[in-house]
Amino acid sequence: SLLILFTWIFHRNISTFQATSLFFLFLFLLLLLLLFFFLLFLYFFYFLFYFFLLFHLFLHLLFHFFILNLLLYSFFGIIFYIQIHLLFRFDWFWGLSRCCPWLGSCCHSRSCSWHLFLSNLLS
């Protein structure tokens, strides 16, 4: 069809500007036609594309929210649990690992007095 268009354009007595504008008009109409057929194709295979889209979304969410978070929480969660457990089990605020009596140990020190004060308030 492009060859027919070129022969029709150059066998007529028209200017170069008119030929160029006709050529780009033909290209624009060709793109519109391709877009129409593509949309028609999408319309007929909508459920197929929708299924693949949902499947891709499911895999994406599965990887990010389940596998990746499982890996992250299994690795960092243990570290954070140990850190928080040690933070409340021992008195890291004073620079030494002194025991806190209200959490079950029997190490009485002056640095644990605020823990005893809190435990007396809570009980």
PDB file of N, CA and C in Angstrom:
ATOM      1  N   SER A   1       0.822  -1.203   0.000  1.00  0.00           N
ATOM      2  CA  SER A   1       0.000   0.000   0.000  1.00  0.00           C
ATOM      3  C   SER A   1       0.861   1.259   0.000  1.00  0.00           C
ATOM      4  N   LEU A   2       2.023   1.192   0.643  1.00  0.00           N
ATOM      5  CA  LEU A   2       2.937   2.340   0.600  1.00  0.00           C
ATOM      6  C   LEU A   2       3.452   2.578  -0.817  1.00  0.00           C
ATOM      7  N   LEU A   3       3.717   1.494  -1.545  1.00  0.00           N
ATOM      8  CA  LEU A   3       4.192   1.626  -2.927  1.00  0.00           C
ATOM      9  C   LEU A   3       3.116   2.245  -3.815  1.00  0.00           C
ATOM     10  N   ILE A   4       1.886   1.836  -3.612  1.00  0.00           N
ATOM     11  CA  ILE A   4       0.778   2.421  -4.374  1.00  0.00           C
ATOM     12  C   ILE A   4       0.641   3.905  -4.047  1.00  0.00           C
ATOM     13  N   LEU A   5       0.790   4.229  -2.762  1.00  0.00           N
ATOM     14  CA  LEU A   5       0.703   5.633  -2.362  1.00  0.00           C
ATOM     15  C   LEU A   5       1.816   6.458  -2.994  1.00  0.00           C
ATOM     16  N   PHE A   6       3.045   5.934  -2.976  1.00  0.00           N
ATOM     17  CA  PHE A   6       4.168   6.667  -3.566  1.00  0.00           C
ATOM     18  C   PHE A   6       3.977   6.867  -5.070  1.00  0.00           C
ATOM     19  N   THR A   7       3.531   5.810  -5.752  1.00  0.00           N
ATOM     20  CA  THR A   7       3.323   5.961  -7.203  1.00  0.00           C
ATOM     21  C   THR A   7       2.191   6.928  -7.498  1.00  0.00           C
ATOM     22  N   TRP A   8       1.153   6.915  -6.686  1.00  0.00           N
ATOM     23  CA  TRP A   8       0.052   7.854  -6.896  1.00  0.00           C
ATOM     24  C   TRP A   8       0.483   9.290  -6.628  1.00  0.00           C
ATOM     25  N   ILE A   9       1.327   9.466  -5.561  1.00  0.00           N
ATOM     26  CA  ILE A   9       1.775  10.818  -5.216  1.00  0.00           C
ATOM     27  C   ILE A   9       2.706  11.370  -6.292  1.00  0.00           C
ATOM     28  N   PHE A  10       3.678  10.570  -6.717  1.00  0.00           N
ATOM     29  CA  PHE A  10       4.708  11.109  -7.607  1.00  0.00           C
ATOM     30  C   PHE A  10       4.297  11.099  -9.077  1.00  0.00           C
ATOM     31  N   HIS A  11       3.192  10.443  -9.423  1.00  0.00           N
ATOM     32  CA  HIS A  11       2.689  10.541 -10.788  1.00  0.00           C
ATOM     33  C   HIS A  11       1.702  11.682 -10.950  1.00  0.00           C
ATOM     34  N   ARG A  12       1.356  12.324  -9.870  1.00  0.00           N
ATOM     35  CA  ARG A  12       0.474  13.486  -9.946  1.00  0.00           C
ATOM     36  C   ARG A  12       1.324  14.744  -9.866  1.00  0.00           C
ATOM     37  N   ASN A  13       0.784  15.811 -10.287  1.00  0.00           N
ATOM     38  CA  ASN A  13       1.509  17.071 -10.306  1.00  0.00           C
ATOM     39  C   ASN A  13       1.200  17.837  -9.016  1.00  0.00           C
ATOM     40  N   ILE A  14       1.781  17.356  -7.882  1.00  0.00           N
ATOM     41  CA  ILE A  14       1.580  18.035  -6.606  1.00  0.00           C
ATOM     42  C   ILE A  14       2.936  18.414  -6.053  1.00  0.00           C
ATOM     43  N   SER A  15       2.921  19.336  -5.107  1.00  0.00           N
ATOM     44  CA  SER A  15       4.182  19.831  -4.552  1.00  0.00           C
ATOM     45  C   SER A  15       4.732  18.848  -3.521  1.00  0.00           C
ATOM     46  N   THR A  16       5.961  19.115  -3.118  1.00  0.00           N
ATOM     47  CA  THR A  16       6.611  18.255  -2.122  1.00  0.00           C
ATOM     48  C   THR A  16       5.925  18.374  -0.770  1.00  0.00           C
ATOM     49  N   PHE A  17       5.489  19.579  -0.439  1.00  0.00           N
ATOM     50  CA  PHE A  17       4.791  19.776   0.831  1.00  0.00           C
ATOM     51  C   PHE A  17       3.486  18.988   0.867  1.00  0.00           C
ATOM     52  N   GLN A  18       2.754  19.008  -0.232  1.00  0.00           N
ATOM     53  CA  GLN A  18       1.511  18.236  -0.292  1.00  0.00           C
ATOM     54  C   GLN A  18       1.787  16.737  -0.239  1.00  0.00           C
ATOM     55  N   ALA A  19       2.856  16.308  -0.885  1.00  0.00           N
ATOM     56  CA  ALA A  19       3.204  14.888  -0.847  1.00  0.00           C
ATOM     57  C   ALA A  19       3.605  14.461   0.557  1.00  0.00           C
ATOM     58  N   THR A  20       4.382  15.312   1.230  1.00  0.00           N
ATOM     59  CA  THR A  20       4.797  14.981   2.599  1.00  0.00           C
ATOM     60  C   THR A  20       3.597  14.959   3.537  1.00  0.00           C
ATOM     61  N   SER A  21       2.722  15.929   3.389  1.00  0.00           N
ATOM     62  CA  SER A  21       1.546  15.954   4.261  1.00  0.00           C
ATOM     63  C   SER A  21       0.632  14.761   3.994  1.00  0.00           C
ATOM     64  N   LEU A  22       0.497  14.377   2.716  1.00  0.00           N
ATOM     65  CA  LEU A  22      -0.295  13.186   2.412  1.00  0.00           C
ATOM     66  C   LEU A  22       0.344  11.924   2.975  1.00  0.00           C
ATOM     67  N   PHE A  23       1.666  11.862   2.898  1.00  0.00           N
ATOM     68  CA  PHE A  23       2.371  10.692   3.426  1.00  0.00           C
ATOM     69  C   PHE A  23       2.172  10.571   4.928  1.00  0.00           C
ATOM     70  N   PHE A  24       2.316  11.690   5.661  1.00  0.00           N
ATOM     71  CA  PHE A  24       2.141  11.636   7.112  1.00  0.00           C
ATOM     72  C   PHE A  24       0.677  11.432   7.493  1.00  0.00           C
ATOM     73  N   LEU A  25      -0.232  11.925   6.673  1.00  0.00           N
ATOM     74  CA  LEU A  25      -1.644  11.632   6.902  1.00  0.00           C
ATOM     75  C   LEU A  25      -1.927  10.145   6.736  1.00  0.00           C
ATOM     76  N   PHE A  26      -1.312   9.544   5.723  1.00  0.00           N
ATOM     77  CA  PHE A  26      -1.468   8.110   5.523  1.00  0.00           C
ATOM     78  C   PHE A  26      -0.858   7.324   6.686  1.00  0.00           C
ATOM     79  N   LEU A  27       0.306   7.767   7.161  1.00  0.00           N
ATOM     80  CA  LEU A  27       0.910   7.095   8.318  1.00  0.00           C
ATOM     81  C   LEU A  27       0.038   7.228   9.559  1.00  0.00           C
ATOM     82  N   PHE A  28      -0.537   8.397   9.751  1.00  0.00           N
ATOM     83  CA  PHE A  28      -1.417   8.605  10.899  1.00  0.00           C
ATOM     84  C   PHE A  28      -2.650   7.701  10.816  1.00  0.00           C
ATOM     85  N   LEU A  29      -3.232   7.605   9.624  1.00  0.00           N
ATOM     86  CA  LEU A  29      -4.385   6.715   9.448  1.00  0.00           C
ATOM     87  C   LEU A  29      -4.005   5.251   9.631  1.00  0.00           C
ATOM     88  N   LEU A  30      -2.800   4.907   9.197  1.00  0.00           N
ATOM     89  CA  LEU A  30      -2.321   3.542   9.399  1.00  0.00           C
ATOM     90  C   LEU A  30      -2.130   3.237  10.880  1.00  0.00           C
ATOM     91  N   LEU A  31      -1.589   4.203  11.628  1.00  0.00           N
ATOM     92  CA  LEU A  31      -1.442   4.011  13.073  1.00  0.00           C
ATOM     93  C   LEU A  31      -2.799   3.917  13.765  1.00  0.00           C
ATOM     94  N   LEU A  32      -3.747   4.715  13.317  1.00  0.00           N
ATOM     95  CA  LEU A  32      -5.097   4.599  13.878  1.00  0.00           C
ATOM     96  C   LEU A  32      -5.714   3.236  13.593  1.00  0.00           C
ATOM     97  N   LEU A  33      -5.475   2.735  12.400  1.00  0.00           N
ATOM     98  CA  LEU A  33      -5.982   1.410  12.056  1.00  0.00           C
ATOM     99  C   LEU A  33      -5.326   0.324  12.905  1.00  0.00           C
ATOM    100  N   LEU A  34      -4.019   0.438  13.092  1.00  0.00           N
ATOM    101  CA  LEU A  34      -3.324  -0.525  13.956  1.00  0.00           C
ATOM    102  C   LEU A  34      -3.809  -0.437  15.392  1.00  0.00           C
ATOM    103  N   LEU A  35      -4.045   0.771  15.864  1.00  0.00           N
ATOM    104  CA  LEU A  35      -4.573   0.935  17.213  1.00  0.00           C
ATOM    105  C   LEU A  35      -5.969   0.330  17.335  1.00  0.00           C
ATOM    106  N   PHE A  36      -6.775   0.504  16.299  1.00  0.00           N
ATOM    107  CA  PHE A  36      -8.115  -0.086  16.307  1.00  0.00           C
ATOM    108  C   PHE A  36      -8.048  -1.611  16.387  1.00  0.00           C
ATOM    109  N   PHE A  37      -7.164  -2.209  15.580  1.00  0.00           N
ATOM    110  CA  PHE A  37      -7.056  -3.672  15.614  1.00  0.00           C
ATOM    111  C   PHE A  37      -6.451  -4.167  16.922  1.00  0.00           C
ATOM    112  N   PHE A  38      -5.541  -3.388  17.476  1.00  0.00           N
ATOM    113  CA  PHE A  38      -4.964  -3.768  18.765  1.00  0.00           C
ATOM    114  C   PHE A  38      -6.020  -3.711  19.866  1.00  0.00           C
ATOM    115  N   LEU A  39      -6.840  -2.661  19.848  1.00  0.00           N
ATOM    116  CA  LEU A  39      -7.917  -2.579  20.838  1.00  0.00           C
ATOM    117  C   LEU A  39      -8.961  -3.666  20.628  1.00  0.00           C
ATOM    118  N   LEU A  40      -9.212  -4.002  19.374  1.00  0.00           N
ATOM    119  CA  LEU A  40     -10.113  -5.113  19.086  1.00  0.00           C
ATOM    120  C   LEU A  40      -9.539  -6.426  19.615  1.00  0.00           C
ATOM    121  N   PHE A  41      -8.238  -6.609  19.421  1.00  0.00           N
ATOM    122  CA  PHE A  41      -7.557  -7.790  19.939  1.00  0.00           C
ATOM    123  C   PHE A  41      -7.635  -7.832  21.463  1.00  0.00           C
ATOM    124  N   LEU A  42      -7.425  -6.677  22.103  1.00  0.00           N
ATOM    125  CA  LEU A  42      -7.538  -6.626  23.558  1.00  0.00           C
ATOM    126  C   LEU A  42      -8.962  -6.901  24.023  1.00  0.00           C
ATOM    127  N   TYR A  43      -9.920  -6.429  23.240  1.00  0.00           N
ATOM    128  CA  TYR A  43     -11.315  -6.663  23.613  1.00  0.00           C
ATOM    129  C   TYR A  43     -11.667  -8.147  23.548  1.00  0.00           C
ATOM    130  N   PHE A  44     -11.198  -8.826  22.520  1.00  0.00           N
ATOM    131  CA  PHE A  44     -11.535 -10.249  22.381  1.00  0.00           C
ATOM    132  C   PHE A  44     -10.747 -11.129  23.349  1.00  0.00           C
ATOM    133  N   PHE A  45      -9.530 -10.700  23.680  1.00  0.00           N
ATOM    134  CA  PHE A  45      -8.704 -11.497  24.590  1.00  0.00           C
ATOM    135  C   PHE A  45      -8.558 -10.804  25.936  1.00  0.00           C
ATOM    136  N   TYR A  46      -9.642 -10.141  26.343  1.00  0.00           N
ATOM    137  CA  TYR A  46      -9.598  -9.366  27.583  1.00  0.00           C
ATOM    138  C   TYR A  46      -9.366 -10.259  28.796  1.00  0.00           C
ATOM    139  N   PHE A  47     -10.094 -11.351  28.845  1.00  0.00           N
ATOM    140  CA  PHE A  47      -9.983 -12.219  30.021  1.00  0.00           C
ATOM    141  C   PHE A  47      -8.633 -12.909  30.084  1.00  0.00           C
ATOM    142  N   LEU A  48      -8.068 -13.194  28.914  1.00  0.00           N
ATOM    143  CA  LEU A  48      -6.737 -13.785  28.896  1.00  0.00           C
ATOM    144  C   LEU A  48      -5.699 -12.802  29.432  1.00  0.00           C
ATOM    145  N   PHE A  49      -5.770 -11.559  28.952  1.00  0.00           N
ATOM    146  CA  PHE A  49      -4.852 -10.544  29.454  1.00  0.00           C
ATOM    147  C   PHE A  49      -5.103 -10.259  30.926  1.00  0.00           C
ATOM    148  N   TYR A  50      -6.377 -10.255  31.306  1.00  0.00           N
ATOM    149  CA  TYR A  50      -6.718 -10.012  32.699  1.00  0.00           C
ATOM    150  C   TYR A  50      -6.186 -11.127  33.595  1.00  0.00           C
ATOM    151  N   PHE A  51      -6.253 -12.347  33.113  1.00  0.00           N
ATOM    152  CA  PHE A  51      -5.722 -13.470  33.877  1.00  0.00           C
ATOM    153  C   PHE A  51      -4.211 -13.344  34.036  1.00  0.00           C
ATOM    154  N   PHE A  52      -3.516 -13.011  32.931  1.00  0.00           N
ATOM    155  CA  PHE A  52      -2.068 -12.866  33.029  1.00  0.00           C
ATOM    156  C   PHE A  52      -1.682 -11.694  33.916  1.00  0.00           C
ATOM    157  N   LEU A  53      -2.478 -10.622  33.866  1.00  0.00           N
ATOM    158  CA  LEU A  53      -2.204  -9.481  34.731  1.00  0.00           C
ATOM    159  C   LEU A  53      -2.381  -9.849  36.194  1.00  0.00           C
ATOM    160  N   LEU A  54      -3.463 -10.555  36.486  1.00  0.00           N
ATOM    161  CA  LEU A  54      -3.687 -10.977  37.868  1.00  0.00           C
ATOM    162  C   LEU A  54      -2.639 -11.981  38.326  1.00  0.00           C
ATOM    163  N   PHE A  55      -2.228 -12.857  37.414  1.00  0.00           N
ATOM    164  CA  PHE A  55      -1.210 -13.838  37.770  1.00  0.00           C
ATOM    165  C   PHE A  55       0.122 -13.152  38.056  1.00  0.00           C
ATOM    166  N   HIS A  56       0.466 -12.166  37.235  1.00  0.00           N
ATOM    167  CA  HIS A  56       1.701 -11.422  37.468  1.00  0.00           C
ATOM    168  C   HIS A  56       1.622 -10.635  38.768  1.00  0.00           C
ATOM    169  N   LEU A  57       0.450 -10.035  39.030  1.00  0.00           N
ATOM    170  CA  LEU A  57       0.266  -9.299  40.276  1.00  0.00           C
ATOM    171  C   LEU A  57       0.338 -10.229  41.477  1.00  0.00           C
ATOM    172  N   PHE A  58      -0.232 -11.415  41.331  1.00  0.00           N
ATOM    173  CA  PHE A  58      -0.181 -12.391  42.418  1.00  0.00           C
ATOM    174  C   PHE A  58       1.256 -12.819  42.703  1.00  0.00           C
ATOM    175  N   LEU A  59       2.029 -13.075  41.638  1.00  0.00           N
ATOM    176  CA  LEU A  59       3.426 -13.453  41.848  1.00  0.00           C
ATOM    177  C   LEU A  59       4.223 -12.317  42.461  1.00  0.00           C
ATOM    178  N   HIS A  60       3.921 -11.100  42.011  1.00  0.00           N
ATOM    179  CA  HIS A  60       4.614  -9.929  42.545  1.00  0.00           C
ATOM    180  C   HIS A  60       4.338  -9.779  44.035  1.00  0.00           C
ATOM    181  N   LEU A  61       3.054  -9.873  44.397  1.00  0.00           N
ATOM    182  CA  LEU A  61       2.691  -9.752  45.806  1.00  0.00           C
ATOM    183  C   LEU A  61       3.207 -10.930  46.611  1.00  0.00           C
ATOM    184  N   LEU A  62       3.185 -12.111  46.002  1.00  0.00           N
ATOM    185  CA  LEU A  62       3.682 -13.289  46.704  1.00  0.00           C
ATOM    186  C   LEU A  62       5.152 -13.139  47.030  1.00  0.00           C
ATOM    187  N   PHE A  63       5.919 -12.640  46.061  1.00  0.00           N
ATOM    188  CA  PHE A  63       7.350 -12.484  46.310  1.00  0.00           C
ATOM    189  C   PHE A  63       7.602 -11.395  47.334  1.00  0.00           C
ATOM    190  N   HIS A  64       6.924 -10.252  47.166  1.00  0.00           N
ATOM    191  CA  HIS A  64       7.253  -9.125  48.023  1.00  0.00           C
ATOM    192  C   HIS A  64       6.704  -9.272  49.428  1.00  0.00           C
ATOM    193  N   PHE A  65       5.447  -9.682  49.535  1.00  0.00           N
ATOM    194  CA  PHE A  65       4.817  -9.661  50.845  1.00  0.00           C
ATOM    195  C   PHE A  65       4.969 -10.959  51.622  1.00  0.00           C
ATOM    196  N   PHE A  66       5.279 -12.034  50.944  1.00  0.00           N
ATOM    197  CA  PHE A  66       5.400 -13.292  51.667  1.00  0.00           C
ATOM    198  C   PHE A  66       6.841 -13.772  51.720  1.00  0.00           C
ATOM    199  N   ILE A  67       7.453 -13.950  50.561  1.00  0.00           N
ATOM    200  CA  ILE A  67       8.791 -14.531  50.539  1.00  0.00           C
ATOM    201  C   ILE A  67       9.825 -13.544  51.055  1.00  0.00           C
ATOM    202  N   LEU A  68       9.760 -12.300  50.531  1.00  0.00           N
ATOM    203  CA  LEU A  68      10.754 -11.312  50.931  1.00  0.00           C
ATOM    204  C   LEU A  68      10.608 -10.949  52.398  1.00  0.00           C
ATOM    205  N   ASN A  69       9.362 -10.764  52.842  1.00  0.00           N
ATOM    206  CA  ASN A  69       9.156 -10.436  54.247  1.00  0.00           C
ATOM    207  C   ASN A  69       9.472 -11.618  55.151  1.00  0.00           C
ATOM    208  N   LEU A  70       9.234 -12.823  54.671  1.00  0.00           N
ATOM    209  CA  LEU A  70       9.595 -13.993  55.461  1.00  0.00           C
ATOM    210  C   LEU A  70      11.103 -14.062  55.654  1.00  0.00           C
ATOM    211  N   LEU A  71      11.833 -13.792  54.574  1.00  0.00           N
ATOM    212  CA  LEU A  71      13.287 -13.782  54.693  1.00  0.00           C
ATOM    213  C   LEU A  71      13.766 -12.660  55.601  1.00  0.00           C
ATOM    214  N   LEU A  72      13.181 -11.473  55.432  1.00  0.00           N
ATOM    215  CA  LEU A  72      13.616 -10.338  56.234  1.00  0.00           C
ATOM    216  C   LEU A  72      13.281 -10.533  57.703  1.00  0.00           C
ATOM    217  N   TYR A  73      12.030 -10.964  57.988  1.00  0.00           N
ATOM    218  CA  TYR A  73      11.636 -11.100  59.378  1.00  0.00           C
ATOM    219  C   TYR A  73      12.286 -12.305  60.041  1.00  0.00           C
ATOM    220  N   SER A  74      12.581 -13.327  59.264  1.00  0.00           N
ATOM    221  CA  SER A  74      13.239 -14.469  59.890  1.00  0.00           C
ATOM    222  C   SER A  74      14.679 -14.138  60.248  1.00  0.00           C
ATOM    223  N   PHE A  75      15.307 -13.248  59.457  1.00  0.00           N
ATOM    224  CA  PHE A  75      16.687 -12.882  59.768  1.00  0.00           C
ATOM    225  C   PHE A  75      16.738 -11.734  60.765  1.00  0.00           C
ATOM    226  N   PHE A  76      16.075 -10.621  60.417  1.00  0.00           N
ATOM    227  CA  PHE A  76      16.149  -9.443  61.273  1.00  0.00           C
ATOM    228  C   PHE A  76      15.257  -9.569  62.496  1.00  0.00           C
ATOM    229  N   GLY A  77      14.185 -10.350  62.387  1.00  0.00           N
ATOM    230  CA  GLY A  77      13.292 -10.485  63.519  1.00  0.00           C
ATOM    231  C   GLY A  77      13.953 -11.148  64.706  1.00  0.00           C
ATOM    232  N   ILE A  78      14.795 -12.135  64.443  1.00  0.00           N
ATOM    233  CA  ILE A  78      15.535 -12.790  65.531  1.00  0.00           C
ATOM    234  C   ILE A  78      16.500 -11.810  66.174  1.00  0.00           C
ATOM    235  N   ILE A  79      17.178 -11.017  65.331  1.00  0.00           N
ATOM    236  CA  ILE A  79      18.130 -10.036  65.861  1.00  0.00           C
ATOM    237  C   ILE A  79      17.405  -8.976  66.676  1.00  0.00           C
ATOM    238  N   PHE A  80      16.264  -8.467  66.145  1.00  0.00           N
ATOM    239  CA  PHE A  80      15.515  -7.453  66.874  1.00  0.00           C
ATOM    240  C   PHE A  80      14.923  -8.025  68.160  1.00  0.00           C
ATOM    241  N   TYR A  81      14.492  -9.283  68.096  1.00  0.00           N
ATOM    242  CA  TYR A  81      13.944  -9.900  69.307  1.00  0.00           C
ATOM    243  C   TYR A  81      15.019 -10.025  70.376  1.00  0.00           C
ATOM    244  N   ILE A  82      16.206 -10.439  69.976  1.00  0.00           N
ATOM    245  CA  ILE A  82      17.303 -10.566  70.940  1.00  0.00           C
ATOM    246  C   ILE A  82      17.686  -9.204  71.493  1.00  0.00           C
ATOM    247  N   GLN A  83      17.736  -8.183  70.622  1.00  0.00           N
ATOM    248  CA  GLN A  83      18.104  -6.852  71.083  1.00  0.00           C
ATOM    249  C   GLN A  83      17.076  -6.295  72.059  1.00  0.00           C
ATOM    250  N   ILE A  84      15.795  -6.434  71.724  1.00  0.00           N
ATOM    251  CA  ILE A  84      14.754  -5.912  72.621  1.00  0.00           C
ATOM    252  C   ILE A  84      14.714  -6.711  73.913  1.00  0.00           C
ATOM    253  N   HIS A  85      14.897  -8.028  73.802  1.00  0.00           N
ATOM    254  CA  HIS A  85      14.913  -8.861  75.001  1.00  0.00           C
ATOM    255  C   HIS A  85      16.073  -8.478  75.912  1.00  0.00           C
ATOM    256  N   LEU A  86      17.240  -8.275  75.319  1.00  0.00           N
ATOM    257  CA  LEU A  86      18.382  -7.865  76.130  1.00  0.00           C
ATOM    258  C   LEU A  86      18.214  -6.455  76.670  1.00  0.00           C
ATOM    259  N   LEU A  87      17.536  -5.597  75.915  1.00  0.00           N
ATOM    260  CA  LEU A  87      17.327  -4.227  76.371  1.00  0.00           C
ATOM    261  C   LEU A  87      16.456  -4.191  77.612  1.00  0.00           C
ATOM    262  N   PHE A  88      15.418  -5.048  77.649  1.00  0.00           N
ATOM    263  CA  PHE A  88      14.548  -5.051  78.813  1.00  0.00           C
ATOM    264  C   PHE A  88      15.023  -6.011  79.897  1.00  0.00           C
ATOM    265  N   ARG A  89      15.844  -6.957  79.502  1.00  0.00           N
ATOM    266  CA  ARG A  89      16.317  -7.907  80.501  1.00  0.00           C
ATOM    267  C   ARG A  89      17.459  -7.314  81.323  1.00  0.00           C
ATOM    268  N   PHE A  90      18.322  -6.570  80.654  1.00  0.00           N
ATOM    269  CA  PHE A  90      19.465  -5.969  81.330  1.00  0.00           C
ATOM    270  C   PHE A  90      19.382  -4.454  81.232  1.00  0.00           C
ATOM    271  N   ASP A  91      20.140  -3.809  82.038  1.00  0.00           N
ATOM    272  CA  ASP A  91      20.107  -2.358  82.089  1.00  0.00           C
ATOM    273  C   ASP A  91      21.206  -1.811  81.184  1.00  0.00           C
ATOM    274  N   TRP A  92      20.916  -1.722  79.887  1.00  0.00           N
ATOM    275  CA  TRP A  92      21.929  -1.231  78.952  1.00  0.00           C
ATOM    276  C   TRP A  92      22.075   0.285  79.012  1.00  0.00           C
ATOM    277  N   PHE A  93      21.118   0.941  79.686  1.00  0.00           N
ATOM    278  CA  PHE A  93      21.148   2.403  79.704  1.00  0.00           C
ATOM    279  C   PHE A  93      22.313   2.939  80.530  1.00  0.00           C
ATOM    280  N   TRP A  94      22.832   2.128  81.420  1.00  0.00           N
ATOM    281  CA  TRP A  94      23.935   2.574  82.264  1.00  0.00           C
ATOM    282  C   TRP A  94      25.269   2.073  81.754  1.00  0.00           C
ATOM    283  N   GLY A  95      25.283   1.400  80.624  1.00  0.00           N
ATOM    284  CA  GLY A  95      26.540   0.964  80.042  1.00  0.00           C
ATOM    285  C   GLY A  95      26.981  -0.410  80.499  1.00  0.00           C
ATOM    286  N   LEU A  96      26.369  -0.965  81.520  1.00  0.00           N
ATOM    287  CA  LEU A  96      26.723  -2.291  82.019  1.00  0.00           C
ATOM    288  C   LEU A  96      25.490  -3.183  81.955  1.00  0.00           C
ATOM    289  N   SER A  97      25.747  -4.475  81.849  1.00  0.00           N
ATOM    290  CA  SER A  97      24.620  -5.414  81.773  1.00  0.00           C
ATOM    291  C   SER A  97      24.205  -5.825  83.180  1.00  0.00           C
ATOM    292  N   ARG A  98      23.584  -4.881  83.883  1.00  0.00           N
ATOM    293  CA  ARG A  98      23.087  -5.195  85.220  1.00  0.00           C
ATOM    294  C   ARG A  98      21.699  -5.818  85.104  1.00  0.00           C
ATOM    295  N   CYS A  99      21.379  -6.704  86.009  1.00  0.00           N
ATOM    296  CA  CYS A  99      20.110  -7.422  85.933  1.00  0.00           C
ATOM    297  C   CYS A  99      18.974  -6.547  86.437  1.00  0.00           C
ATOM    298  N   CYS A 100      17.804  -6.839  85.971  1.00  0.00           N
ATOM    299  CA  CYS A 100      16.607  -6.154  86.443  1.00  0.00           C
ATOM    300  C   CYS A 100      15.815  -7.111  87.313  1.00  0.00           C
ATOM    301  N   PRO A 101      15.663  -6.813  88.603  1.00  0.00           N
ATOM    302  CA  PRO A 101      15.033  -7.773  89.510  1.00  0.00           C
ATOM    303  C   PRO A 101      13.558  -8.012  89.202  1.00  0.00           C
ATOM    304  N   TRP A 102      12.873  -7.019  88.664  1.00  0.00           N
ATOM    305  CA  TRP A 102      11.437  -7.186  88.433  1.00  0.00           C
ATOM    306  C   TRP A 102      11.148  -8.047  87.213  1.00  0.00           C
ATOM    307  N   LEU A 103      12.218  -8.442  86.475  1.00  0.00           N
ATOM    308  CA  LEU A 103      12.027  -9.369  85.370  1.00  0.00           C
ATOM    309  C   LEU A 103      12.483 -10.785  85.708  1.00  0.00           C
ATOM    310  N   GLY A 104      12.781 -11.046  86.965  1.00  0.00           N
ATOM    311  CA  GLY A 104      13.014 -12.418  87.363  1.00  0.00           C
ATOM    312  C   GLY A 104      14.398 -12.733  87.863  1.00  0.00           C
ATOM    313  N   SER A 105      15.340 -11.822  87.750  1.00  0.00           N
ATOM    314  CA  SER A 105      16.679 -12.138  88.255  1.00  0.00           C
ATOM    315  C   SER A 105      16.845 -11.572  89.662  1.00  0.00           C
ATOM    316  N   CYS A 106      17.897 -12.001  90.332  1.00  0.00           N
ATOM    317  CA  CYS A 106      18.085 -11.643  91.733  1.00  0.00           C
ATOM    318  C   CYS A 106      19.305 -10.754  91.924  1.00  0.00           C
ATOM    319  N   CYS A 107      19.579  -9.885  90.985  1.00  0.00           N
ATOM    320  CA  CYS A 107      20.729  -9.006  91.094  1.00  0.00           C
ATOM    321  C   CYS A 107      20.239  -7.648  91.555  1.00  0.00           C
ATOM    322  N   HIS A 108      20.461  -7.303  92.820  1.00  0.00           N
ATOM    323  CA  HIS A 108      19.976  -6.042  93.370  1.00  0.00           C
ATOM    324  C   HIS A 108      21.058  -4.986  93.214  1.00  0.00           C
ATOM    325  N   SER A 109      20.740  -3.936  92.489  1.00  0.00           N
ATOM    326  CA  SER A 109      21.688  -2.835  92.317  1.00  0.00           C
ATOM    327  C   SER A 109      20.916  -1.532  92.280  1.00  0.00           C
ATOM    328  N   ARG A 110      21.649  -0.446  92.497  1.00  0.00           N
ATOM    329  CA  ARG A 110      20.979   0.851  92.549  1.00  0.00           C
ATOM    330  C   ARG A 110      20.472   1.284  91.171  1.00  0.00           C
ATOM    331  N   SER A 111      21.072   0.758  90.113  1.00  0.00           N
ATOM    332  CA  SER A 111      20.626   1.149  88.774  1.00  0.00           C
ATOM    333  C   SER A 111      19.282   0.541  88.416  1.00  0.00           C
ATOM    334  N   CYS A 112      18.866  -0.480  89.151  1.00  0.00           N
ATOM    335  CA  CYS A 112      17.579  -1.100  88.866  1.00  0.00           C
ATOM    336  C   CYS A 112      16.472  -0.505  89.712  1.00  0.00           C
ATOM    337  N   SER A 113      16.765   0.564  90.441  1.00  0.00           N
ATOM    338  CA  SER A 113      15.749   1.115  91.339  1.00  0.00           C
ATOM    339  C   SER A 113      14.583   1.707  90.561  1.00  0.00           C
ATOM    340  N   TRP A 114      14.838   2.269  89.385  1.00  0.00           N
ATOM    341  CA  TRP A 114      13.732   2.831  88.605  1.00  0.00           C
ATOM    342  C   TRP A 114      12.853   1.731  88.035  1.00  0.00           C
ATOM    343  N   HIS A 115      13.430   0.537  87.807  1.00  0.00           N
ATOM    344  CA  HIS A 115      12.608  -0.605  87.409  1.00  0.00           C
ATOM    345  C   HIS A 115      11.720  -1.045  88.569  1.00  0.00           C
ATOM    346  N   LEU A 116      12.292  -1.031  89.771  1.00  0.00           N
ATOM    347  CA  LEU A 116      11.490  -1.380  90.941  1.00  0.00           C
ATOM    348  C   LEU A 116      10.399  -0.352  91.173  1.00  0.00           C
ATOM    349  N   PHE A 117      10.732   0.915  90.933  1.00  0.00           N
ATOM    350  CA  PHE A 117       9.729   1.970  91.087  1.00  0.00           C
ATOM    351  C   PHE A 117       8.584   1.783  90.086  1.00  0.00           C
ATOM    352  N   LEU A 118       8.937   1.452  88.854  1.00  0.00           N
ATOM    353  CA  LEU A 118       7.902   1.202  87.848  1.00  0.00           C
ATOM    354  C   LEU A 118       7.073  -0.028  88.189  1.00  0.00           C
ATOM    355  N   SER A 119       7.738  -1.065  88.674  1.00  0.00           N
ATOM    356  CA  SER A 119       6.990  -2.277  89.009  1.00  0.00           C
ATOM    357  C   SER A 119       6.072  -2.046  90.195  1.00  0.00           C
ATOM    358  N   ASN A 120       6.501  -1.189  91.147  1.00  0.00           N
ATOM    359  CA  ASN A 120       5.624  -0.864  92.274  1.00  0.00           C
ATOM    360  C   ASN A 120       4.435  -0.029  91.821  1.00  0.00           C
ATOM    361  N   LEU A 121       4.674   0.830  90.822  1.00  0.00           N
ATOM    362  CA  LEU A 121       3.563   1.619  90.308  1.00  0.00           C
ATOM    363  C   LEU A 121       2.557   0.749  89.566  1.00  0.00           C
ATOM    364  N   LEU A 122       3.066  -0.216  88.814  1.00  0.00           N
ATOM    365  CA  LEU A 122       2.184  -1.054  88.013  1.00  0.00           C
ATOM    366  C   LEU A 122       1.440  -2.084  88.844  1.00  0.00           C
ATOM    367  N   SER A 123       2.012  -2.484  89.975  1.00  0.00           N
ATOM    368  CA  SER A 123       1.373  -3.541  90.774  1.00  0.00           C
ATOM    369  C   SER A 123       0.390  -2.959  91.788  1.00  0.00           C
TER     370      SER A 123
END
